[in-house]
C-alpha atoms as a PDB file:
ATOM      1  CA  MET A   1      13.069 -84.432  53.092  1.00  0.00           C
ATOM      2  CA  ALA A   2      15.045 -87.655  53.016  1.00  0.00           C
ATOM      3  CA  ASP A   3      17.319 -88.271  50.001  1.00  0.00           C
ATOM      4  CA  ARG A   4      15.177 -91.251  49.019  1.00  0.00           C
ATOM      5  CA  ASP A   5      12.041 -89.084  48.965  1.00  0.00           C
ATOM      6  CA  LEU A   6      13.708 -86.558  46.667  1.00  0.00           C
ATOM      7  CA  TRP A   7      14.973 -89.321  44.335  1.00  0.00           C
ATOM      8  CA  ASP A   8      11.440 -90.764  44.230  1.00  0.00           C
ATOM      9  CA  ILE A   9      10.018 -87.371  43.207  1.00  0.00           C
ATOM     10  CA  ALA A  10      12.659 -87.012  40.497  1.00  0.00           C
ATOM     11  CA  ALA A  11      11.850 -90.510  39.207  1.00  0.00           C
ATOM     12  CA  TYR A  12       8.120 -89.745  39.067  1.00  0.00           C
ATOM     13  CA  LEU A  13       8.641 -86.511  37.126  1.00  0.00           C
ATOM     14  CA  LYS A  14      11.003 -88.181  34.645  1.00  0.00           C
ATOM     15  CA  HIS A  15       9.308 -91.538  34.115  1.00  0.00           C
ATOM     16  CA  ALA A  16       5.622 -91.456  35.144  1.00  0.00           C
ATOM     17  CA  VAL A  17       4.256 -88.171  33.759  1.00  0.00           C
ATOM     18  CA  LYS A  18       3.303 -87.866  30.103  1.00  0.00           C
ATOM     19  CA  PRO A  19       5.173 -85.032  28.349  1.00  0.00           C
ATOM     20  CA  VAL A  20       3.202 -81.873  27.569  1.00  0.00           C
ATOM     21  CA  LYS A  21       4.563 -79.275  25.140  1.00  0.00           C
ATOM     22  CA  ASN A  22       4.112 -75.887  26.835  1.00  0.00           C
ATOM     23  CA  ARG A  23       6.784 -73.222  26.525  1.00  0.00           C
ATOM     24  CA  VAL A  24       6.652 -71.090  29.671  1.00  0.00           C
ATOM     25  CA  PRO A  25       8.132 -67.568  29.288  1.00  0.00           C
ATOM     26  CA  ASP A  26      11.024 -66.748  31.563  1.00  0.00           C
ATOM     27  CA  SER A  27      10.166 -65.171  34.894  1.00  0.00           C
ATOM     28  CA  GLU A  28      11.059 -61.557  35.508  1.00  0.00           C
ATOM     29  CA  GLY A  29      14.209 -61.030  37.505  1.00  0.00           C
ATOM     30  CA  PRO A  30      17.435 -63.021  37.896  1.00  0.00           C
ATOM     31  CA  PRO A  31      16.957 -66.806  37.985  1.00  0.00           C
ATOM     32  CA  ASP A  32      17.825 -66.914  41.685  1.00  0.00           C
ATOM     33  CA  PHE A  33      16.015 -63.798  42.896  1.00  0.00           C
ATOM     34  CA  TRP A  34      13.358 -65.729  44.819  1.00  0.00           C
ATOM     35  CA  ALA A  35      15.617 -68.540  45.983  1.00  0.00           C
ATOM     36  CA  SER A  36      18.247 -66.111  47.265  1.00  0.00           C
ATOM     37  CA  TYR A  37      15.643 -64.272  49.335  1.00  0.00           C
ATOM     38  CA  TYR A  38      14.201 -67.505  50.696  1.00  0.00           C
ATOM     39  CA  ALA A  39      17.553 -69.148  51.405  1.00  0.00           C
ATOM     40  CA  LYS A  40      18.360 -66.479  53.995  1.00  0.00           C
ATOM     41  CA  LYS A  41      15.411 -67.645  56.092  1.00  0.00           C
ATOM     42  CA  ILE A  42      15.462 -71.434  55.901  1.00  0.00           C
ATOM     43  CA  GLY A  43      16.686 -73.518  58.773  1.00  0.00           C
ATOM     44  CA  PRO A  44      19.487 -76.057  58.973  1.00  0.00           C
ATOM     45  CA  HIS A  45      19.539 -79.438  57.277  1.00  0.00           C
ATOM     46  CA  PRO A  46      18.868 -81.822  58.866  1.00  0.00           C
ATOM     47  CA  ALA A  47      16.300 -80.194  61.115  1.00  0.00           C
ATOM     48  CA  PRO A  48      17.318 -79.442  64.719  1.00  0.00           C
ATOM     49  CA  ALA A  49      17.042 -82.378  67.079  1.00  0.00           C
ATOM     50  CA  PHE A  50      13.770 -82.833  68.933  1.00  0.00           C
ATOM     51  CA  PRO A  51      12.917 -81.156  71.233  1.00  0.00           C
ATOM     52  CA  THR A  52      13.980 -77.577  70.580  1.00  0.00           C
ATOM     53  CA  ALA A  53      13.195 -74.784  73.029  1.00  0.00           C
ATOM     54  CA  ASN A  54       9.794 -74.500  71.315  1.00  0.00           C
ATOM     55  CA  GLU A  55       8.867 -78.161  71.805  1.00  0.00           C
ATOM     56  CA  ILE A  56       8.045 -80.646  74.561  1.00  0.00           C
ATOM     57  CA  ALA A  57       9.475 -84.139  74.894  1.00  0.00           C
ATOM     58  CA  THR A  58       6.584 -86.294  76.075  1.00  0.00           C
ATOM     59  CA  ALA A  59       6.762 -89.842  77.365  1.00  0.00           C
ATOM     60  CA  ALA A  60       3.338 -90.751  75.939  1.00  0.00           C
ATOM     61  CA  GLY A  61       3.136 -90.902  72.171  1.00  0.00           C
ATOM     62  CA  GLU A  62       6.526 -89.321  71.513  1.00  0.00           C
ATOM     63  CA  THR A  63       7.125 -91.474  68.423  1.00  0.00           C
ATOM     64  CA  GLN A  64       3.832 -90.290  66.936  1.00  0.00           C
ATOM     65  CA  VAL A  65       4.644 -86.699  67.859  1.00  0.00           C
ATOM     66  CA  GLN A  66       8.017 -86.882  66.117  1.00  0.00           C
ATOM     67  CA  ARG A  67       6.434 -88.387  62.986  1.00  0.00           C
ATOM     68  CA  GLY A  68       4.015 -85.473  62.979  1.00  0.00           C
ATOM     69  CA  ARG A  69       6.868 -83.027  63.432  1.00  0.00           C
ATOM     70  CA  ALA A  70       8.636 -84.376  60.341  1.00  0.00           C
ATOM     71  CA  LEU A  71       5.439 -84.023  58.292  1.00  0.00           C
ATOM     72  CA  VAL A  72       4.889 -80.450  59.492  1.00  0.00           C
ATOM     73  CA  ILE A  73       8.426 -79.548  58.440  1.00  0.00           C
ATOM     74  CA  HIS A  74       8.270 -81.363  55.097  1.00  0.00           C
ATOM     75  CA  HIS A  75       4.905 -79.896  54.132  1.00  0.00           C
ATOM     76  CA  GLY A  76       5.892 -76.313  54.809  1.00  0.00           C
ATOM     77  CA  CYS A  77       3.482 -75.381  57.606  1.00  0.00           C
ATOM     78  CA  GLY A  78       6.025 -72.882  58.882  1.00  0.00           C
ATOM     79  CA  ASP A  79       6.129 -71.077  55.548  1.00  0.00           C
ATOM     80  CA  CYS A  80       2.849 -69.373  56.489  1.00  0.00           C
ATOM     81  CA  HIS A  81       2.444 -70.028  60.207  1.00  0.00           C
ATOM     82  CA  GLY A  82       5.945 -68.941  61.235  1.00  0.00           C
ATOM     83  CA  GLY A  83       9.512 -70.206  61.343  1.00  0.00           C
ATOM     84  CA  ILE A  84       9.740 -71.487  57.731  1.00  0.00           C
ATOM     85  CA  ASP A  85      11.211 -74.997  58.263  1.00  0.00           C
ATOM     86  CA  ASN A  86      13.117 -74.417  61.485  1.00  0.00           C
ATOM     87  CA  PRO A  87      11.510 -75.695  64.713  1.00  0.00           C
ATOM     88  CA  ALA A  88      14.126 -73.719  66.656  1.00  0.00           C
ATOM     89  CA  SER A  89      12.867 -70.399  65.261  1.00  0.00           C
ATOM     90  CA  GLU A  90      11.293 -68.076  67.809  1.00  0.00           C
ATOM     91  CA  LYS A  91       8.299 -67.701  65.453  1.00  0.00           C
ATOM     92  CA  TRP A  92       7.746 -71.444  65.018  1.00  0.00           C
ATOM     93  CA  LEU A  93       4.076 -72.057  64.143  1.00  0.00           C
ATOM     94  CA  SER A  94       2.859 -69.149  66.302  1.00  0.00           C
ATOM     95  CA  GLY A  95       0.964 -67.398  63.498  1.00  0.00           C
ATOM     96  CA  ALA A  96       0.847 -63.946  61.970  1.00  0.00           C
ATOM     97  CA  ARG A  97       2.361 -61.227  64.143  1.00  0.00           C
ATOM     98  CA  THR A  98       2.409 -58.030  62.078  1.00  0.00           C
ATOM     99  CA  GLU A  99       0.296 -56.371  59.419  1.00  0.00           C
ATOM    100  CA  ALA A 100       2.867 -57.577  56.898  1.00  0.00           C
ATOM    101  CA  ASP A 101       2.019 -61.203  57.756  1.00  0.00           C
ATOM    102  CA  THR A 102      -1.094 -61.258  55.586  1.00  0.00           C
ATOM    103  CA  PHE A 103      -2.244 -62.794  52.314  1.00  0.00           C
ATOM    104  CA  GLN A 104      -4.506 -61.097  49.803  1.00  0.00           C
ATOM    105  CA  VAL A 105      -6.887 -63.562  48.177  1.00  0.00           C
ATOM    106  CA  GLY A 106      -8.928 -61.434  45.799  1.00  0.00           C
ATOM    107  CA  PRO A 107     -10.561 -58.747  47.934  1.00  0.00           C
ATOM    108  CA  LEU A 108     -10.040 -60.719  51.160  1.00  0.00           C
ATOM    109  CA  THR A 109      -7.256 -60.422  53.724  1.00  0.00           C
ATOM    110  CA  THR A 110      -6.268 -63.666  55.439  1.00  0.00           C
ATOM    111  CA  ARG A 111      -3.802 -64.400  58.236  1.00  0.00           C
ATOM    112  CA  ALA A 112      -2.110 -67.627  59.279  1.00  0.00           C
ATOM    113  CA  ARG A 113      -3.393 -68.914  62.604  1.00  0.00           C
ATOM    114  CA  ASN A 114      -1.419 -69.666  65.750  1.00  0.00           C
ATOM    115  CA  LEU A 115      -0.930 -73.454  65.626  1.00  0.00           C
ATOM    116  CA  THR A 116       0.609 -73.825  69.081  1.00  0.00           C
ATOM    117  CA  PRO A 117      -1.581 -75.381  71.805  1.00  0.00           C
ATOM    118  CA  ASP A 118      -2.245 -72.135  73.663  1.00  0.00           C
ATOM    119  CA  ALA A 119      -5.722 -72.462  75.176  1.00  0.00           C
ATOM    120  CA  GLU A 120      -6.837 -68.911  74.372  1.00  0.00           C
ATOM    121  CA  THR A 121      -5.114 -67.939  71.140  1.00  0.00           C
ATOM    122  CA  GLY A 122      -4.000 -71.226  69.586  1.00  0.00           C
ATOM    123  CA  LEU A 123      -5.237 -74.787  69.086  1.00  0.00           C
ATOM    124  CA  GLY A 124      -5.407 -75.681  72.772  1.00  0.00           C
ATOM    125  CA  ARG A 125      -9.202 -75.456  72.865  1.00  0.00           C
ATOM    126  CA  PHE A 126      -9.613 -77.959  70.032  1.00  0.00           C
ATOM    127  CA  THR A 127      -9.301 -81.741  70.099  1.00  0.00           C
ATOM    128  CA  GLU A 128      -6.977 -83.761  67.916  1.00  0.00           C
ATOM    129  CA  ARG A 129     -10.014 -85.007  66.001  1.00  0.00           C
ATOM    130  CA  GLN A 130     -11.104 -81.440  65.252  1.00  0.00           C
ATOM    131  CA  ILE A 131      -7.615 -80.750  63.895  1.00  0.00           C
ATOM    132  CA  PHE A 132      -7.815 -83.965  61.867  1.00  0.00           C
ATOM    133  CA  ASN A 133     -11.166 -82.849  60.418  1.00  0.00           C
ATOM    134  CA  ALA A 134      -9.664 -79.496  59.479  1.00  0.00           C
ATOM    135  CA  LEU A 135      -6.844 -81.169  57.551  1.00  0.00           C
ATOM    136  CA  ARG A 136      -8.990 -83.859  55.912  1.00  0.00           C
ATOM    137  CA  PHE A 137     -12.144 -81.851  55.132  1.00  0.00           C
ATOM    138  CA  GLY A 138     -11.060 -78.213  55.446  1.00  0.00           C
ATOM    139  CA  LEU A 139     -13.555 -77.645  58.270  1.00  0.00           C
ATOM    140  CA  SER A 140     -12.857 -74.808  60.681  1.00  0.00           C
ATOM    141  CA  PRO A 141     -12.289 -76.349  64.157  1.00  0.00           C
ATOM    142  CA  SER A 142     -14.055 -73.446  65.872  1.00  0.00           C
ATOM    143  CA  ALA A 143     -17.242 -74.132  63.886  1.00  0.00           C
ATOM    144  CA  THR A 144     -17.157 -77.948  63.779  1.00  0.00           C
ATOM    145  CA  PRO A 145     -18.062 -80.272  66.697  1.00  0.00           C
ATOM    146  CA  ASP A 146     -15.708 -82.988  67.912  1.00  0.00           C
ATOM    147  CA  VAL A 147     -17.294 -85.739  65.803  1.00  0.00           C
ATOM    148  CA  GLU A 148     -16.128 -88.271  63.238  1.00  0.00           C
ATOM    149  CA  ILE A 149     -16.891 -86.966  59.756  1.00  0.00           C
ATOM    150  CA  THR A 150     -17.888 -89.787  57.396  1.00  0.00           C
ATOM    151  CA  SER A 151     -18.907 -87.886  54.274  1.00  0.00           C
ATOM    152  CA  THR A 152     -17.567 -85.126  52.031  1.00  0.00           C
ATOM    153  CA  THR A 153     -21.099 -83.893  51.341  1.00  0.00           C
ATOM    154  CA  PRO A 154     -22.495 -81.138  53.582  1.00  0.00           C
ATOM    155  CA  GLY A 155     -25.377 -82.434  55.675  1.00  0.00           C
ATOM    156  CA  LYS A 156     -24.414 -86.099  55.368  1.00  0.00           C
ATOM    157  CA  GLY A 157     -22.372 -88.370  57.654  1.00  0.00           C
ATOM    158  CA  ASN A 158     -21.874 -85.737  60.375  1.00  0.00           C
ATOM    159  CA  HIS A 159     -20.575 -83.273  57.799  1.00  0.00           C
ATOM    160  CA  PRO A 160     -22.066 -79.920  58.901  1.00  0.00           C
ATOM    161  CA  ALA A 161     -25.002 -78.839  56.766  1.00  0.00           C
ATOM    162  CA  GLN A 162     -23.672 -75.273  56.792  1.00  0.00           C
ATOM    163  CA  PRO A 163     -19.917 -75.826  57.009  1.00  0.00           C
ATOM    164  CA  ARG A 164     -17.369 -73.133  57.625  1.00  0.00           C
ATOM    165  CA  TYR A 165     -14.145 -73.888  55.788  1.00  0.00           C
ATOM    166  CA  LEU A 166     -10.585 -72.814  56.447  1.00  0.00           C
ATOM    167  CA  ALA A 167      -9.676 -69.512  54.866  1.00  0.00           C
ATOM    168  CA  PRO A 168      -7.394 -69.596  51.816  1.00  0.00           C
ATOM    169  CA  PRO A 169      -4.542 -70.007  51.114  1.00  0.00           C
ATOM    170  CA  MET A 170      -4.555 -72.980  53.539  1.00  0.00           C
ATOM    171  CA  PRO A 171      -3.928 -75.870  51.077  1.00  0.00           C
ATOM    172  CA  TRP A 172      -6.220 -78.454  52.676  1.00  0.00           C
ATOM    173  CA  PRO A 173      -7.429 -79.708  49.241  1.00  0.00           C
ATOM    174  CA  ALA A 174      -3.909 -81.143  48.852  1.00  0.00           C
ATOM    175  CA  TRP A 175      -3.484 -82.194  52.484  1.00  0.00           C
ATOM    176  CA  ARG A 176      -6.696 -84.230  52.360  1.00  0.00           C
ATOM    177  CA  HIS A 177      -4.915 -86.903  50.270  1.00  0.00           C
ATOM    178  CA  MET A 178      -2.618 -87.802  53.169  1.00  0.00           C
ATOM    179  CA  THR A 179      -3.310 -90.985  55.117  1.00  0.00           C
ATOM    180  CA  ASP A 180      -5.339 -91.018  58.327  1.00  0.00           C
ATOM    181  CA  GLU A 181      -2.213 -91.951  60.266  1.00  0.00           C
ATOM    182  CA  GLN A 182      -0.275 -88.993  58.866  1.00  0.00           C
ATOM    183  CA  LEU A 183      -3.015 -86.517  59.717  1.00  0.00           C
ATOM    184  CA  ARG A 184      -3.334 -87.957  63.233  1.00  0.00           C
ATOM    185  CA  ASP A 185       0.445 -87.680  63.646  1.00  0.00           C
ATOM    186  CA  ILE A 186       0.312 -84.004  62.671  1.00  0.00           C
ATOM    187  CA  ALA A 187      -2.550 -83.372  65.092  1.00  0.00           C
ATOM    188  CA  ALA A 188      -0.581 -85.118  67.849  1.00  0.00           C
ATOM    189  CA  TYR A 189       2.461 -82.914  67.232  1.00  0.00           C
ATOM    190  CA  LEU A 190       0.440 -79.700  67.230  1.00  0.00           C
ATOM    191  CA  LYS A 191      -1.379 -80.656  70.444  1.00  0.00           C
ATOM    192  CA  ARG A 192       1.316 -82.486  72.395  1.00  0.00           C
ATOM    193  CA  GLY A 193       4.691 -81.644  70.891  1.00  0.00           C
ATOM    194  CA  LEU A 194       4.673 -77.843  70.974  1.00  0.00           C
ATOM    195  CA  LYS A 195       4.933 -75.378  73.816  1.00  0.00           C
ATOM    196  CA  PRO A 196       1.970 -72.986  73.850  1.00  0.00           C
ATOM    197  CA  VAL A 197       2.633 -69.447  72.647  1.00  0.00           C
ATOM    198  CA  LYS A 198       0.161 -66.660  73.335  1.00  0.00           C
ATOM    199  CA  ASN A 199      -0.365 -64.777  70.081  1.00  0.00           C
ATOM    200  CA  LYS A 200      -3.838 -63.602  69.167  1.00  0.00           C
ATOM    201  CA  VAL A 201      -4.197 -63.547  65.376  1.00  0.00           C
ATOM    202  CA  PRO A 202      -7.055 -61.395  64.035  1.00  0.00           C
ATOM    203  CA  ASP A 203      -9.709 -63.302  62.136  1.00  0.00           C
ATOM    204  CA  SER A 204      -9.258 -63.718  58.401  1.00  0.00           C
ATOM    205  CA  GLN A 205     -11.769 -62.191  56.040  1.00  0.00           C
ATOM    206  CA  HIS A 206     -13.826 -64.839  54.284  1.00  0.00           C
ATOM    207  CA  PRO A 207     -17.480 -65.833  54.035  1.00  0.00           C
ATOM    208  CA  LEU A 208     -18.867 -67.643  57.070  1.00  0.00           C
ATOM    209  CA  THR A 209     -19.826 -70.511  54.784  1.00  0.00           C
ATOM    210  CA  SER A 210     -18.482 -71.467  51.409  1.00  0.00           C
ATOM    211  CA  GLY A 211     -20.267 -74.718  50.714  1.00  0.00           C
ATOM    212  CA  ARG A 212     -20.083 -74.530  46.951  1.00  0.00           C
ATOM    213  CA  VAL A 213     -16.317 -74.032  46.985  1.00  0.00           C
ATOM    214  CA  GLY A 214     -15.866 -76.705  49.629  1.00  0.00           C
ATOM    215  CA  THR A 215     -18.042 -79.200  47.787  1.00  0.00           C
ATOM    216  CA  ARG A 216     -16.023 -78.818  44.620  1.00  0.00           C
ATOM    217  CA  SER A 217     -12.798 -79.298  46.544  1.00  0.00           C
ATOM    218  CA  THR A 218     -13.766 -82.460  48.392  1.00  0.00           C
END
């Protein structure tokens, strides 16, 4: 993130949040045990120049694509979908590859999808609006038509009556607070700024519909 963004976050935490007295016990392990493990995997700062070997420089909409790229890096898409925060990584956004690349959410096993625009195994078969709807409303692109969604209530405003939501731990309840422009920029990067990578990720385990959970989250 830019220095100004980090200073703004620090200012918010120091000056805009009411203090709450809550003594949190120390975590188990040395203070840097997690950071040391993670630091071995993170990419360079600043991020590699666009385009890397995994990306495509396009004449049409390149400014939008690069804005989307910055948001994808800043919001940690690569933490789950591959490459951490390094667009030059060979795993960049190509999804789970091994049995170790899974998340256990209660009794369910979930896997991060291939976000590259491969037509068979990635996002290539979906429109930018379907990707936008996934980020704004948590709606699975494969189960949601290419339509403008105008309501957060299932069955209203083109919101599917029996929606299928993205499997956890995809944090769309937080992403949905981003602006329309930001979400469109991200969709543009995923569709137009990445080279397609063929990597078939097995389906995650989750109910076909989860309307009650989705309704509470939107």
